[in-house]
C-alpha atoms as a PDB file:
ATOM      1  CA  UNK A   1      -2.880 -10.919 -19.981  1.00  0.00           C
ATOM      2  CA  UNK A   2      -6.430 -10.477 -18.705  1.00  0.00           C
ATOM      3  CA  UNK A   3      -8.276  -7.155 -18.918  1.00  0.00           C
ATOM      4  CA  UNK A   4     -10.066  -7.728 -15.606  1.00  0.00           C
ATOM      5  CA  UNK A   5      -7.850  -7.088 -12.601  1.00  0.00           C
ATOM      6  CA  UNK A   6      -7.820 -10.154 -10.342  1.00  0.00           C
ATOM      7  CA  UNK A   7      -4.342  -9.985  -8.773  1.00  0.00           C
ATOM      8  CA  UNK A   8      -2.957  -7.870  -5.953  1.00  0.00           C
ATOM      9  CA  UNK A   9       0.454  -7.549  -4.349  1.00  0.00           C
ATOM     10  CA  UNK A  10       0.753  -6.416  -0.734  1.00  0.00           C
ATOM     11  CA  UNK A  11       4.170  -5.157   0.341  1.00  0.00           C
ATOM     12  CA  UNK A  12       4.487  -6.749   3.776  1.00  0.00           C
ATOM     13  CA  UNK A  13       8.286  -6.911   4.097  1.00  0.00           C
ATOM     14  CA  UNK A  14       8.693  -3.478   5.742  1.00  0.00           C
ATOM     15  CA  UNK A  15      10.919  -3.196   8.770  1.00  0.00           C
ATOM     16  CA  UNK A  16       8.194  -1.597  10.888  1.00  0.00           C
ATOM     17  CA  UNK A  17      10.718   0.585  12.691  1.00  0.00           C
ATOM     18  CA  UNK A  18       8.104   3.195  13.666  1.00  0.00           C
ATOM     19  CA  UNK A  19       5.850   0.466  15.058  1.00  0.00           C
ATOM     20  CA  UNK A  20       8.687  -1.037  17.091  1.00  0.00           C
ATOM     21  CA  UNK A  21       9.839   2.331  18.395  1.00  0.00           C
ATOM     22  CA  UNK A  22       9.113   3.121  22.017  1.00  0.00           C
ATOM     23  CA  UNK A  23       6.878   6.170  21.688  1.00  0.00           C
ATOM     24  CA  UNK A  24       5.555   6.044  25.222  1.00  0.00           C
ATOM     25  CA  UNK A  25       2.334   4.283  24.269  1.00  0.00           C
ATOM     26  CA  UNK A  26       1.262   1.115  26.086  1.00  0.00           C
ATOM     27  CA  UNK A  27       2.962  -2.014  24.828  1.00  0.00           C
ATOM     28  CA  UNK A  28       0.341  -4.149  23.038  1.00  0.00           C
ATOM     29  CA  UNK A  29       1.615  -7.365  24.615  1.00  0.00           C
ATOM     30  CA  UNK A  30      -0.755  -9.624  22.700  1.00  0.00           C
ATOM     31  CA  UNK A  31       0.734  -8.137  19.530  1.00  0.00           C
ATOM     32  CA  UNK A  32       4.363  -8.414  20.580  1.00  0.00           C
ATOM     33  CA  UNK A  33       5.230 -11.171  18.087  1.00  0.00           C
ATOM     34  CA  UNK A  34       3.860  -9.199  15.137  1.00  0.00           C
ATOM     35  CA  UNK A  35       5.398  -5.927  16.318  1.00  0.00           C
ATOM     36  CA  UNK A  36       8.818  -7.433  16.990  1.00  0.00           C
ATOM     37  CA  UNK A  37       8.818  -9.173  13.603  1.00  0.00           C
ATOM     38  CA  UNK A  38       7.963  -5.927  11.850  1.00  0.00           C
ATOM     39  CA  UNK A  39       4.835  -7.664  10.529  1.00  0.00           C
ATOM     40  CA  UNK A  40       2.386  -4.815  10.955  1.00  0.00           C
ATOM     41  CA  UNK A  41      -0.209  -6.566   8.835  1.00  0.00           C
ATOM     42  CA  UNK A  42      -0.499  -9.322  11.435  1.00  0.00           C
ATOM     43  CA  UNK A  43      -1.318  -7.010  14.330  1.00  0.00           C
ATOM     44  CA  UNK A  44      -4.558  -8.072  15.997  1.00  0.00           C
ATOM     45  CA  UNK A  45      -7.321  -5.473  15.661  1.00  0.00           C
ATOM     46  CA  UNK A  46     -10.103  -7.968  16.316  1.00  0.00           C
ATOM     47  CA  UNK A  47      -8.384 -10.249  13.813  1.00  0.00           C
ATOM     48  CA  UNK A  48      -5.146  -9.694  11.865  1.00  0.00           C
ATOM     49  CA  UNK A  49      -5.170  -6.293  10.159  1.00  0.00           C
ATOM     50  CA  UNK A  50      -4.337  -7.856   6.793  1.00  0.00           C
ATOM     51  CA  UNK A  51      -7.580  -9.835   6.887  1.00  0.00           C
ATOM     52  CA  UNK A  52      -9.487  -6.580   6.513  1.00  0.00           C
ATOM     53  CA  UNK A  53      -7.243  -5.411   3.668  1.00  0.00           C
ATOM     54  CA  UNK A  54      -7.561  -8.708   1.786  1.00  0.00           C
ATOM     55  CA  UNK A  55     -11.327  -8.877   2.341  1.00  0.00           C
ATOM     56  CA  UNK A  56     -11.695  -5.402   0.816  1.00  0.00           C
ATOM     57  CA  UNK A  57      -9.661  -6.539  -2.189  1.00  0.00           C
ATOM     58  CA  UNK A  58     -11.916  -9.568  -2.585  1.00  0.00           C
ATOM     59  CA  UNK A  59     -14.930  -7.255  -2.502  1.00  0.00           C
ATOM     60  CA  UNK A  60     -13.674  -5.553  -5.690  1.00  0.00           C
ATOM     61  CA  UNK A  61     -12.944  -8.786  -7.545  1.00  0.00           C
ATOM     62  CA  UNK A  62      -9.407  -9.720  -6.515  1.00  0.00           C
ATOM     63  CA  UNK A  63      -8.998 -13.499  -6.344  1.00  0.00           C
ATOM     64  CA  UNK A  64      -5.219 -13.883  -5.936  1.00  0.00           C
ATOM     65  CA  UNK A  65      -3.142 -11.976  -3.391  1.00  0.00           C
ATOM     66  CA  UNK A  66       0.646 -12.139  -3.168  1.00  0.00           C
ATOM     67  CA  UNK A  67       2.259 -11.153   0.121  1.00  0.00           C
ATOM     68  CA  UNK A  68       5.827  -9.927  -0.297  1.00  0.00           C
ATOM     69  CA  UNK A  69       7.529 -10.998   2.924  1.00  0.00           C
ATOM     70  CA  UNK A  70      10.981 -11.578   4.314  1.00  0.00           C
ATOM     71  CA  UNK A  71      12.515 -15.043   4.628  1.00  0.00           C
ATOM     72  CA  UNK A  72      12.024 -14.857   8.396  1.00  0.00           C
ATOM     73  CA  UNK A  73       8.314 -14.021   8.221  1.00  0.00           C
ATOM     74  CA  UNK A  74       6.803 -17.402   9.034  1.00  0.00           C
ATOM     75  CA  UNK A  75       4.096 -15.571  10.966  1.00  0.00           C
ATOM     76  CA  UNK A  76       2.256 -14.920   7.679  1.00  0.00           C
ATOM     77  CA  UNK A  77       2.502 -18.506   6.402  1.00  0.00           C
ATOM     78  CA  UNK A  78       1.605 -20.011   9.762  1.00  0.00           C
ATOM     79  CA  UNK A  79      -1.606 -18.023   9.761  1.00  0.00           C
ATOM     80  CA  UNK A  80      -2.816 -17.966   6.152  1.00  0.00           C
ATOM     81  CA  UNK A  81      -1.773 -21.515   5.281  1.00  0.00           C
ATOM     82  CA  UNK A  82      -4.085 -22.755   8.015  1.00  0.00           C
ATOM     83  CA  UNK A  83      -7.129 -20.673   7.103  1.00  0.00           C
ATOM     84  CA  UNK A  84     -10.038 -21.950   5.063  1.00  0.00           C
ATOM     85  CA  UNK A  85     -10.137 -19.431   2.226  1.00  0.00           C
ATOM     86  CA  UNK A  86     -13.206 -19.255  -0.006  1.00  0.00           C
ATOM     87  CA  UNK A  87     -12.785 -16.033  -1.985  1.00  0.00           C
ATOM     88  CA  UNK A  88      -9.026 -15.583  -2.378  1.00  0.00           C
ATOM     89  CA  UNK A  89      -5.837 -17.559  -2.830  1.00  0.00           C
ATOM     90  CA  UNK A  90      -2.769 -16.399  -0.914  1.00  0.00           C
ATOM     91  CA  UNK A  91       0.656 -16.521  -2.557  1.00  0.00           C
ATOM     92  CA  UNK A  92       4.045 -15.474  -1.228  1.00  0.00           C
ATOM     93  CA  UNK A  93       7.084 -13.786  -2.723  1.00  0.00           C
ATOM     94  CA  UNK A  94      10.319 -13.444  -0.786  1.00  0.00           C
ATOM     95  CA  UNK A  95      12.256 -10.198  -0.636  1.00  0.00           C
ATOM     96  CA  UNK A  96      15.586 -11.472   0.647  1.00  0.00           C
ATOM     97  CA  UNK A  97      16.745  -8.131   2.049  1.00  0.00           C
ATOM     98  CA  UNK A  98      14.811  -4.936   2.828  1.00  0.00           C
ATOM     99  CA  UNK A  99      16.159  -2.942  -0.107  1.00  0.00           C
ATOM    100  CA  UNK A 100      13.142  -0.748  -0.767  1.00  0.00           C
ATOM    101  CA  UNK A 101       9.656  -0.822  -2.212  1.00  0.00           C
ATOM    102  CA  UNK A 102      10.691  -1.281  -5.852  1.00  0.00           C
ATOM    103  CA  UNK A 103      12.868  -4.212  -4.851  1.00  0.00           C
ATOM    104  CA  UNK A 104       9.911  -5.640  -2.920  1.00  0.00           C
ATOM    105  CA  UNK A 105       7.585  -5.374  -5.898  1.00  0.00           C
ATOM    106  CA  UNK A 106      10.226  -6.924  -8.161  1.00  0.00           C
ATOM    107  CA  UNK A 107      10.049 -10.054  -6.001  1.00  0.00           C
ATOM    108  CA  UNK A 108       6.440 -10.520  -7.160  1.00  0.00           C
ATOM    109  CA  UNK A 109       7.208 -10.363 -10.896  1.00  0.00           C
ATOM    110  CA  UNK A 110       6.626 -14.082 -11.437  1.00  0.00           C
ATOM    111  CA  UNK A 111       3.293 -13.895  -9.624  1.00  0.00           C
ATOM    112  CA  UNK A 112       2.145 -10.949 -11.740  1.00  0.00           C
ATOM    113  CA  UNK A 113       3.253 -12.338 -15.092  1.00  0.00           C
ATOM    114  CA  UNK A 114       1.772 -10.171 -17.841  1.00  0.00           C
ATOM    115  CA  UNK A 115      -1.333  -9.285 -15.837  1.00  0.00           C
ATOM    116  CA  UNK A 116      -2.141  -5.958 -14.281  1.00  0.00           C
ATOM    117  CA  UNK A 117      -1.803  -5.931 -10.506  1.00  0.00           C
ATOM    118  CA  UNK A 118      -2.999  -3.783  -7.652  1.00  0.00           C
ATOM    119  CA  UNK A 119      -0.122  -2.913  -5.310  1.00  0.00           C
ATOM    120  CA  UNK A 120      -0.769  -1.784  -1.732  1.00  0.00           C
ATOM    121  CA  UNK A 121       0.984  -1.184   1.557  1.00  0.00           C
ATOM    122  CA  UNK A 122       0.392  -3.740   4.295  1.00  0.00           C
ATOM    123  CA  UNK A 123      -0.171  -1.104   6.977  1.00  0.00           C
ATOM    124  CA  UNK A 124      -3.047   0.777   5.344  1.00  0.00           C
ATOM    125  CA  UNK A 125      -6.729  -0.110   5.069  1.00  0.00           C
ATOM    126  CA  UNK A 126      -8.099   1.409   1.900  1.00  0.00           C
ATOM    127  CA  UNK A 127     -11.814   2.160   1.382  1.00  0.00           C
ATOM    128  CA  UNK A 128     -13.596  -0.216  -0.967  1.00  0.00           C
ATOM    129  CA  UNK A 129     -14.829   2.698  -3.099  1.00  0.00           C
ATOM    130  CA  UNK A 130     -11.245   3.752  -3.815  1.00  0.00           C
ATOM    131  CA  UNK A 131     -10.146   0.206  -4.638  1.00  0.00           C
ATOM    132  CA  UNK A 132     -13.121  -0.229  -6.958  1.00  0.00           C
ATOM    133  CA  UNK A 133     -12.266   2.921  -8.891  1.00  0.00           C
ATOM    134  CA  UNK A 134      -8.664   1.723  -9.131  1.00  0.00           C
ATOM    135  CA  UNK A 135      -9.393  -1.719 -10.594  1.00  0.00           C
ATOM    136  CA  UNK A 136     -11.820  -0.205 -13.090  1.00  0.00           C
ATOM    137  CA  UNK A 137      -9.117   1.998 -14.637  1.00  0.00           C
ATOM    138  CA  UNK A 138      -7.740   1.142 -18.070  1.00  0.00           C
ATOM    139  CA  UNK A 139      -3.982   0.680 -18.074  1.00  0.00           C
ATOM    140  CA  UNK A 140      -2.141   1.839 -14.958  1.00  0.00           C
ATOM    141  CA  UNK A 141      -3.055   4.308 -12.258  1.00  0.00           C
ATOM    142  CA  UNK A 142      -2.953   5.509  -8.684  1.00  0.00           C
ATOM    143  CA  UNK A 143      -5.540   6.669  -6.171  1.00  0.00           C
ATOM    144  CA  UNK A 144      -5.254  10.363  -5.349  1.00  0.00           C
ATOM    145  CA  UNK A 145      -6.806  11.078  -1.960  1.00  0.00           C
ATOM    146  CA  UNK A 146      -8.252  14.475  -1.131  1.00  0.00           C
ATOM    147  CA  UNK A 147      -6.322  16.084   1.711  1.00  0.00           C
ATOM    148  CA  UNK A 148      -9.376  17.334   3.603  1.00  0.00           C
ATOM    149  CA  UNK A 149     -11.063  13.935   3.347  1.00  0.00           C
ATOM    150  CA  UNK A 150      -7.963  12.213   4.719  1.00  0.00           C
ATOM    151  CA  UNK A 151      -7.856  14.631   7.629  1.00  0.00           C
ATOM    152  CA  UNK A 152     -11.571  14.245   8.380  1.00  0.00           C
ATOM    153  CA  UNK A 153     -12.041  10.524   7.770  1.00  0.00           C
ATOM    154  CA  UNK A 154      -8.723   8.877   8.714  1.00  0.00           C
ATOM    155  CA  UNK A 155      -6.991   8.135  11.984  1.00  0.00           C
ATOM    156  CA  UNK A 156      -3.973  10.126  10.782  1.00  0.00           C
ATOM    157  CA  UNK A 157      -3.106  13.490  12.363  1.00  0.00           C
ATOM    158  CA  UNK A 158      -2.949  16.448   9.980  1.00  0.00           C
ATOM    159  CA  UNK A 159       0.743  16.999  10.688  1.00  0.00           C
ATOM    160  CA  UNK A 160       1.544  13.486   9.499  1.00  0.00           C
ATOM    161  CA  UNK A 161      -0.585  13.932   6.396  1.00  0.00           C
ATOM    162  CA  UNK A 162       1.344  17.127   5.604  1.00  0.00           C
ATOM    163  CA  UNK A 163       4.466  14.990   5.123  1.00  0.00           C
ATOM    164  CA  UNK A 164       2.842  12.485   2.746  1.00  0.00           C
ATOM    165  CA  UNK A 165       3.670  12.337  -0.952  1.00  0.00           C
ATOM    166  CA  UNK A 166       1.691  14.715  -3.150  1.00  0.00           C
ATOM    167  CA  UNK A 167       0.668  13.929  -6.730  1.00  0.00           C
ATOM    168  CA  UNK A 168       1.021  16.469  -9.502  1.00  0.00           C
ATOM    169  CA  UNK A 169      -1.738  15.877 -12.084  1.00  0.00           C
ATOM    170  CA  UNK A 170      -1.649  17.040 -15.709  1.00  0.00           C
ATOM    171  CA  UNK A 171      -4.559  18.417 -17.738  1.00  0.00           C
ATOM    172  CA  UNK A 172      -5.528  14.914 -18.907  1.00  0.00           C
ATOM    173  CA  UNK A 173      -5.865  13.639 -15.350  1.00  0.00           C
ATOM    174  CA  UNK A 174      -2.612  11.684 -15.454  1.00  0.00           C
ATOM    175  CA  UNK A 175       0.241  11.717 -12.979  1.00  0.00           C
ATOM    176  CA  UNK A 176       3.002  14.120 -13.957  1.00  0.00           C
ATOM    177  CA  UNK A 177       5.125  13.718 -10.825  1.00  0.00           C
ATOM    178  CA  UNK A 178       5.118  12.659  -7.191  1.00  0.00           C
ATOM    179  CA  UNK A 179       6.672  14.936  -4.604  1.00  0.00           C
ATOM    180  CA  UNK A 180       7.703  13.002  -1.517  1.00  0.00           C
ATOM    181  CA  UNK A 181       7.852  14.774   1.837  1.00  0.00           C
ATOM    182  CA  UNK A 182       6.926  18.098   0.220  1.00  0.00           C
ATOM    183  CA  UNK A 183       8.237  21.311   1.731  1.00  0.00           C
ATOM    184  CA  UNK A 184       5.793  24.063   2.749  1.00  0.00           C
ATOM    185  CA  UNK A 185       6.828  25.950  -0.395  1.00  0.00           C
ATOM    186  CA  UNK A 186       6.066  22.927  -2.580  1.00  0.00           C
ATOM    187  CA  UNK A 187       2.694  22.433  -0.914  1.00  0.00           C
ATOM    188  CA  UNK A 188       1.858  26.077  -1.521  1.00  0.00           C
ATOM    189  CA  UNK A 189       2.902  25.799  -5.164  1.00  0.00           C
ATOM    190  CA  UNK A 190       0.825  22.666  -5.761  1.00  0.00           C
ATOM    191  CA  UNK A 191      -2.180  23.996  -3.868  1.00  0.00           C
ATOM    192  CA  UNK A 192      -4.431  22.451  -1.249  1.00  0.00           C
ATOM    193  CA  UNK A 193      -6.348  20.589  -3.960  1.00  0.00           C
ATOM    194  CA  UNK A 194      -3.316  18.480  -4.944  1.00  0.00           C
ATOM    195  CA  UNK A 195      -4.132  14.816  -4.217  1.00  0.00           C
ATOM    196  CA  UNK A 196      -2.118  12.697  -1.812  1.00  0.00           C
ATOM    197  CA  UNK A 197      -0.670   9.297  -2.638  1.00  0.00           C
ATOM    198  CA  UNK A 198      -1.251   6.575  -0.066  1.00  0.00           C
ATOM    199  CA  UNK A 199       0.541   4.050  -2.291  1.00  0.00           C
ATOM    200  CA  UNK A 200      -2.547   2.445  -3.799  1.00  0.00           C
ATOM    201  CA  UNK A 201      -1.364   1.576  -7.315  1.00  0.00           C
ATOM    202  CA  UNK A 202      -2.503  -0.326 -10.377  1.00  0.00           C
ATOM    203  CA  UNK A 203       0.463  -1.442 -12.480  1.00  0.00           C
ATOM    204  CA  UNK A 204       0.971  -2.983 -15.875  1.00  0.00           C
ATOM    205  CA  UNK A 205       3.782  -5.469 -16.504  1.00  0.00           C
ATOM    206  CA  UNK A 206       6.184  -2.746 -17.651  1.00  0.00           C
ATOM    207  CA  UNK A 207       6.669  -1.642 -14.054  1.00  0.00           C
ATOM    208  CA  UNK A 208       8.926  -4.661 -13.465  1.00  0.00           C
ATOM    209  CA  UNK A 209      11.684  -3.713 -15.952  1.00  0.00           C
ATOM    210  CA  UNK A 210      11.534  -0.223 -14.450  1.00  0.00           C
ATOM    211  CA  UNK A 211      12.016  -1.665 -10.950  1.00  0.00           C
ATOM    212  CA  UNK A 212      15.071  -3.543 -12.230  1.00  0.00           C
ATOM    213  CA  UNK A 213      16.604  -0.560 -14.019  1.00  0.00           C
ATOM    214  CA  UNK A 214      16.533   2.181 -11.375  1.00  0.00           C
ATOM    215  CA  UNK A 215      19.443   3.132  -9.148  1.00  0.00           C
ATOM    216  CA  UNK A 216      19.335   3.342  -5.377  1.00  0.00           C
ATOM    217  CA  UNK A 217      17.895   6.532  -3.952  1.00  0.00           C
ATOM    218  CA  UNK A 218      19.744   8.870  -1.606  1.00  0.00           C
ATOM    219  CA  UNK A 219      18.297   6.737   1.196  1.00  0.00           C
ATOM    220  CA  UNK A 220      20.083   3.701  -0.201  1.00  0.00           C
ATOM    221  CA  UNK A 221      16.919   1.939  -1.356  1.00  0.00           C
ATOM    222  CA  UNK A 222      15.235   1.038  -4.625  1.00  0.00           C
ATOM    223  CA  UNK A 223      12.133   3.217  -4.470  1.00  0.00           C
ATOM    224  CA  UNK A 224       8.843   2.462  -6.185  1.00  0.00           C
ATOM    225  CA  UNK A 225       8.357   6.159  -6.931  1.00  0.00           C
ATOM    226  CA  UNK A 226      11.573   6.134  -8.968  1.00  0.00           C
ATOM    227  CA  UNK A 227      10.346   3.101 -10.915  1.00  0.00           C
ATOM    228  CA  UNK A 228       7.094   4.941 -11.643  1.00  0.00           C
ATOM    229  CA  UNK A 229       9.039   7.945 -12.905  1.00  0.00           C
ATOM    230  CA  UNK A 230      11.156   5.714 -15.137  1.00  0.00           C
ATOM    231  CA  UNK A 231       8.116   3.873 -16.517  1.00  0.00           C
ATOM    232  CA  UNK A 232       6.487   7.216 -17.220  1.00  0.00           C
ATOM    233  CA  UNK A 233       9.591   8.442 -19.072  1.00  0.00           C
ATOM    234  CA  UNK A 234       9.310   5.314 -21.226  1.00  0.00           C
ATOM    235  CA  UNK A 235       5.768   6.173 -22.241  1.00  0.00           C
ATOM    236  CA  UNK A 236       3.569   4.626 -19.568  1.00  0.00           C
ATOM    237  CA  UNK A 237       0.824   6.947 -18.303  1.00  0.00           C
ATOM    238  CA  UNK A 238      -0.699   6.664 -14.840  1.00  0.00           C
ATOM    239  CA  UNK A 239      -4.289   7.814 -14.463  1.00  0.00           C
ATOM    240  CA  UNK A 240      -5.052   9.494 -11.132  1.00  0.00           C
ATOM    241  CA  UNK A 241      -8.421   8.385  -9.783  1.00  0.00           C
ATOM    242  CA  UNK A 242      -9.689  10.775  -7.103  1.00  0.00           C
ATOM    243  CA  UNK A 243     -10.977   9.598  -3.736  1.00  0.00           C
ATOM    244  CA  UNK A 244     -12.789  11.630  -1.105  1.00  0.00           C
ATOM    245  CA  UNK A 245     -12.397   8.956   1.556  1.00  0.00           C
ATOM    246  CA  UNK A 246     -10.146   8.267   4.481  1.00  0.00           C
ATOM    247  CA  UNK A 247      -7.449   5.629   4.927  1.00  0.00           C
ATOM    248  CA  UNK A 248      -6.658   3.791   8.148  1.00  0.00           C
ATOM    249  CA  UNK A 249      -2.956   3.846   8.958  1.00  0.00           C
ATOM    250  CA  UNK A 250      -1.193   1.274  11.140  1.00  0.00           C
ATOM    251  CA  UNK A 251       2.352   2.605  11.178  1.00  0.00           C
ATOM    252  CA  UNK A 252       2.682   3.382  14.900  1.00  0.00           C
ATOM    253  CA  UNK A 253       1.703   1.699  18.150  1.00  0.00           C
ATOM    254  CA  UNK A 254      -0.560   4.626  18.949  1.00  0.00           C
ATOM    255  CA  UNK A 255      -2.580   3.776  15.815  1.00  0.00           C
ATOM    256  CA  UNK A 256      -3.650   0.321  16.981  1.00  0.00           C
ATOM    257  CA  UNK A 257      -6.582   1.240  19.221  1.00  0.00           C
ATOM    258  CA  UNK A 258      -8.003   3.763  16.744  1.00  0.00           C
ATOM    259  CA  UNK A 259      -7.790   1.252  13.894  1.00  0.00           C
ATOM    260  CA  UNK A 260      -9.375  -1.477  16.016  1.00  0.00           C
ATOM    261  CA  UNK A 261     -12.276   0.810  16.863  1.00  0.00           C
ATOM    262  CA  UNK A 262     -12.727   1.972  13.257  1.00  0.00           C
ATOM    263  CA  UNK A 263     -12.868  -1.614  11.981  1.00  0.00           C
ATOM    264  CA  UNK A 264     -14.979  -3.030  14.799  1.00  0.00           C
ATOM    265  CA  UNK A 265     -18.114  -3.272  12.648  1.00  0.00           C
ATOM    266  CA  UNK A 266     -16.398  -4.259   9.399  1.00  0.00           C
ATOM    267  CA  UNK A 267     -17.236  -7.753   8.177  1.00  0.00           C
ATOM    268  CA  UNK A 268     -14.399  -9.910   6.839  1.00  0.00           C
ATOM    269  CA  UNK A 269     -14.846 -12.660   4.265  1.00  0.00           C
ATOM    270  CA  UNK A 270     -11.795 -14.392   2.850  1.00  0.00           C
END
């Protein structure tokens, strides 16, 4: 195990049902292959969205990135296997069926080995400052985004942010729980200062046994949040590193133009 974090896992297997849904927005015809495949990370926003995510990871010292994809997702291999990469190596792990985020991460266990790994969504662009604070943590942790900063600096409407998972933080600055889709009463109890999780994690190797040992959630999936809770019950602490930045979200067709504009001056180096 190395103390410096050099590996990242990007969960790219998602079904992309919200992206494929007909929400009345113009059909991005040049992105139809990526949209129809549920490969949101390959949507063209000047270049594939994932290029920006991976470049940001490289900026904070990540040298090896594992994309968790489905067996049908040749779109990722066809692109990255034909790129000249100078700063990162791209690896793949196959999630045979879309059985949830914990099941997706479990597919990357061999890639991770005993090393700590950053784990991210494939449809979010995270600010470099937040990623830097994450990889500099000892042990395991999660980025806790300030609600007002997300509202002011993201492309995400406030009503969508209100439904995002909220982190409960103990007196030591560690995660004590995650409340998914919090009710208005829960939000009031936690307070407006409670940080929001955008699924930017740093995990130690003990997350993988936890992923294997959890049961399916009420939604019929193996959820990463449940694996975190189990790992915590077994003694693993998760430091919450605060971030007063925004996150770009690519979960709906209506997000594409805003994300393209926001990234238009961002340099990519892979």
